[in-house]
Amino acid sequence: MLIPEEIKIYVYTEPADMRKSFWGLSGLVNNVMGKDPRSGALFAFFNKRRDLVKLLWYEPEGNARGFSIWMRKLDEGCFSNKVHVSEPTTSLSITISELSFLIEEVKKRKMQIRP
């Protein structure tokens, strides 16, 4: 994943409703995380099972200004949740290497088949 070093990255620490798109995720950033979704920062959201991640980013410069969403859904396993949280919060600032670890470190788990 190619992310410039100067971009700030924030993770939403609660499970997110993955039916949300640009405006719903922007609302979480603004109203719950207390951040500006148009700041140029990258915002990461995971679902409850941690098998789906969405990254929201607003490109603030150039002719192509606007929001982008990157999404990844795992067929098996789940994304890592090894992020140190010292106190309860809905927003956590992380580094690019920590984001890469969260997305690339996939834990194996047994698939539960529901009748």
C-alpha atoms as a PDB file:
ATOM      1  CA  MET A   1       0.000   0.000   0.000  1.00  0.00           C
ATOM      2  CA  LEU A   2       1.471   3.336  -1.026  1.00  0.00           C
ATOM      3  CA  ILE A   3       0.681   6.030   1.512  1.00  0.00           C
ATOM      4  CA  PRO A   4       2.846   9.152   1.767  1.00  0.00           C
ATOM      5  CA  GLU A   5       4.721   9.429   5.072  1.00  0.00           C
ATOM      6  CA  GLU A   6       3.252  12.852   5.923  1.00  0.00           C
ATOM      7  CA  ILE A   7      -0.385  11.697   5.958  1.00  0.00           C
ATOM      8  CA  LYS A   8      -1.945  11.359   9.414  1.00  0.00           C
ATOM      9  CA  ILE A   9      -3.790   8.083   9.996  1.00  0.00           C
ATOM     10  CA  TYR A  10      -6.605   7.495  12.459  1.00  0.00           C
ATOM     11  CA  VAL A  11      -8.367   4.243  13.338  1.00  0.00           C
ATOM     12  CA  TYR A  12     -11.969   4.177  14.513  1.00  0.00           C
ATOM     13  CA  THR A  13     -11.667   1.847  17.520  1.00  0.00           C
ATOM     14  CA  GLU A  14     -15.303   0.696  17.629  1.00  0.00           C
ATOM     15  CA  PRO A  15     -16.804  -1.743  15.111  1.00  0.00           C
ATOM     16  CA  ALA A  16     -18.182   0.258  12.181  1.00  0.00           C
ATOM     17  CA  ASP A  17     -21.328  -0.359  10.148  1.00  0.00           C
ATOM     18  CA  MET A  18     -19.850  -1.300   6.792  1.00  0.00           C
ATOM     19  CA  ARG A  19     -23.017  -0.323   4.949  1.00  0.00           C
ATOM     20  CA  LYS A  20     -21.837   3.262   5.371  1.00  0.00           C
ATOM     21  CA  SER A  21     -20.286   4.950   2.369  1.00  0.00           C
ATOM     22  CA  PHE A  22     -18.683   8.389   1.904  1.00  0.00           C
ATOM     23  CA  TRP A  23     -21.187  10.479   3.863  1.00  0.00           C
ATOM     24  CA  GLY A  24     -21.820   7.953   6.635  1.00  0.00           C
ATOM     25  CA  LEU A  25     -18.112   7.403   7.285  1.00  0.00           C
ATOM     26  CA  SER A  26     -17.493  11.167   7.076  1.00  0.00           C
ATOM     27  CA  GLY A  27     -20.197  11.597   9.704  1.00  0.00           C
ATOM     28  CA  LEU A  28     -18.407   9.146  12.034  1.00  0.00           C
ATOM     29  CA  VAL A  29     -15.149  11.023  11.512  1.00  0.00           C
ATOM     30  CA  ASN A  30     -16.725  14.402  12.210  1.00  0.00           C
ATOM     31  CA  ASN A  31     -19.329  13.619  14.882  1.00  0.00           C
ATOM     32  CA  VAL A  32     -17.798  10.697  16.802  1.00  0.00           C
ATOM     33  CA  MET A  33     -14.044  10.895  16.237  1.00  0.00           C
ATOM     34  CA  GLY A  34     -14.027  14.705  16.409  1.00  0.00           C
ATOM     35  CA  LYS A  35     -11.843  15.061  13.304  1.00  0.00           C
ATOM     36  CA  ASP A  36     -12.289  16.894   9.999  1.00  0.00           C
ATOM     37  CA  PRO A  37     -12.897  14.331   7.232  1.00  0.00           C
ATOM     38  CA  ARG A  38     -11.583  16.835   4.650  1.00  0.00           C
ATOM     39  CA  SER A  39      -8.271  17.361   6.472  1.00  0.00           C
ATOM     40  CA  GLY A  40      -6.342  15.042   4.163  1.00  0.00           C
ATOM     41  CA  ALA A  41      -5.926  12.424   6.911  1.00  0.00           C
ATOM     42  CA  LEU A  42      -6.649   8.747   6.273  1.00  0.00           C
ATOM     43  CA  PHE A  43      -9.360   7.116   8.403  1.00  0.00           C
ATOM     44  CA  ALA A  44      -9.583   3.333   8.924  1.00  0.00           C
ATOM     45  CA  PHE A  45     -12.746   1.445   9.907  1.00  0.00           C
ATOM     46  CA  PHE A  46     -13.125  -2.257  10.748  1.00  0.00           C
ATOM     47  CA  ASN A  47     -16.305  -4.296  11.149  1.00  0.00           C
ATOM     48  CA  LYS A  48     -17.154  -6.324  14.267  1.00  0.00           C
ATOM     49  CA  ARG A  49     -15.740  -9.605  12.897  1.00  0.00           C
ATOM     50  CA  ARG A  50     -12.630  -7.735  11.649  1.00  0.00           C
ATOM     51  CA  ASP A  51     -12.841  -9.416   8.264  1.00  0.00           C
ATOM     52  CA  LEU A  52     -13.600  -6.161   6.445  1.00  0.00           C
ATOM     53  CA  VAL A  53     -11.748  -2.841   6.450  1.00  0.00           C
ATOM     54  CA  LYS A  54     -12.558   0.491   4.788  1.00  0.00           C
ATOM     55  CA  LEU A  55     -10.141   3.388   4.438  1.00  0.00           C
ATOM     56  CA  LEU A  56     -11.582   6.856   3.835  1.00  0.00           C
ATOM     57  CA  TRP A  57      -9.410   9.613   2.414  1.00  0.00           C
ATOM     58  CA  TYR A  58     -10.130  13.082   1.084  1.00  0.00           C
ATOM     59  CA  GLU A  59      -7.710  14.377  -1.524  1.00  0.00           C
ATOM     60  CA  PRO A  60      -7.652  18.115  -0.814  1.00  0.00           C
ATOM     61  CA  GLU A  61      -5.591  19.331  -3.778  1.00  0.00           C
ATOM     62  CA  GLY A  62      -5.720  19.335  -7.566  1.00  0.00           C
ATOM     63  CA  ASN A  63      -8.562  18.953 -10.037  1.00  0.00           C
ATOM     64  CA  ALA A  64      -9.583  15.570  -8.635  1.00  0.00           C
ATOM     65  CA  ARG A  65     -10.492  16.799  -5.139  1.00  0.00           C
ATOM     66  CA  GLY A  66     -12.836  14.465  -3.358  1.00  0.00           C
ATOM     67  CA  PHE A  67     -13.282  11.369  -1.225  1.00  0.00           C
ATOM     68  CA  SER A  68     -11.911   7.911  -1.966  1.00  0.00           C
ATOM     69  CA  ILE A  69     -12.736   4.644  -0.225  1.00  0.00           C
ATOM     70  CA  TRP A  70     -10.486   1.606  -0.269  1.00  0.00           C
ATOM     71  CA  MET A  71     -12.106  -1.609   0.977  1.00  0.00           C
ATOM     72  CA  ARG A  72     -10.830  -5.116   1.601  1.00  0.00           C
ATOM     73  CA  LYS A  73     -12.927  -8.175   2.547  1.00  0.00           C
ATOM     74  CA  LEU A  74     -11.188 -11.357   3.695  1.00  0.00           C
ATOM     75  CA  ASP A  75     -12.516 -14.745   2.617  1.00  0.00           C
ATOM     76  CA  GLU A  76     -10.959 -16.387   5.671  1.00  0.00           C
ATOM     77  CA  GLY A  77      -9.449 -15.153   8.918  1.00  0.00           C
ATOM     78  CA  CYS A  78      -9.550 -11.672  10.379  1.00  0.00           C
ATOM     79  CA  PHE A  79      -7.405  -8.559  10.507  1.00  0.00           C
ATOM     80  CA  SER A  80      -5.169  -8.046  13.516  1.00  0.00           C
ATOM     81  CA  ASN A  81      -6.405  -5.922  16.393  1.00  0.00           C
ATOM     82  CA  LYS A  82      -3.012  -5.501  18.058  1.00  0.00           C
ATOM     83  CA  VAL A  83      -3.087  -1.759  18.650  1.00  0.00           C
ATOM     84  CA  HIS A  84      -2.178  -0.425  22.070  1.00  0.00           C
ATOM     85  CA  VAL A  85      -5.010   1.671  23.514  1.00  0.00           C
ATOM     86  CA  SER A  86      -4.095   3.223  26.866  1.00  0.00           C
ATOM     87  CA  GLU A  87      -7.575   4.606  27.594  1.00  0.00           C
ATOM     88  CA  PRO A  88     -11.040   4.178  26.074  1.00  0.00           C
ATOM     89  CA  THR A  89     -11.335   6.244  22.911  1.00  0.00           C
ATOM     90  CA  THR A  90     -13.103   6.135  19.548  1.00  0.00           C
ATOM     91  CA  SER A  91     -10.139   7.530  17.618  1.00  0.00           C
ATOM     92  CA  LEU A  92      -6.542   6.386  17.670  1.00  0.00           C
ATOM     93  CA  SER A  93      -3.651   7.962  15.771  1.00  0.00           C
ATOM     94  CA  ILE A  94      -1.329   5.352  14.245  1.00  0.00           C
ATOM     95  CA  THR A  95       1.680   5.229  11.941  1.00  0.00           C
ATOM     96  CA  ILE A  96       1.845   3.858   8.422  1.00  0.00           C
ATOM     97  CA  SER A  97       3.723   0.782   9.668  1.00  0.00           C
ATOM     98  CA  GLU A  98       1.026   0.114  12.289  1.00  0.00           C
ATOM     99  CA  LEU A  99      -1.698   0.420   9.637  1.00  0.00           C
ATOM    100  CA  SER A 100       0.213  -1.943   7.358  1.00  0.00           C
ATOM    101  CA  PHE A 101       0.516  -4.423  10.213  1.00  0.00           C
ATOM    102  CA  LEU A 102      -3.220  -4.231  10.970  1.00  0.00           C
ATOM    103  CA  ILE A 103      -4.158  -4.832   7.344  1.00  0.00           C
ATOM    104  CA  GLU A 104      -1.494  -7.347   6.374  1.00  0.00           C
ATOM    105  CA  GLU A 105      -1.451  -9.426   9.581  1.00  0.00           C
ATOM    106  CA  VAL A 106      -4.321 -11.862   9.076  1.00  0.00           C
ATOM    107  CA  LYS A 107      -5.185 -14.226  11.894  1.00  0.00           C
ATOM    108  CA  LYS A 108      -6.493 -17.650  11.000  1.00  0.00           C
ATOM    109  CA  ARG A 109      -9.820 -18.576  12.473  1.00  0.00           C
ATOM    110  CA  LYS A 110     -12.318 -21.296  11.892  1.00  0.00           C
ATOM    111  CA  MET A 111     -15.197 -20.304   9.715  1.00  0.00           C
ATOM    112  CA  GLN A 112     -18.487 -20.678  11.550  1.00  0.00           C
ATOM    113  CA  ILE A 113     -21.254 -22.007   9.350  1.00  0.00           C
ATOM    114  CA  ARG A 114     -24.670 -20.862  10.420  1.00  0.00           C
ATOM    115  CA  PRO A 115     -27.693 -23.044   9.640  1.00  0.00           C
END
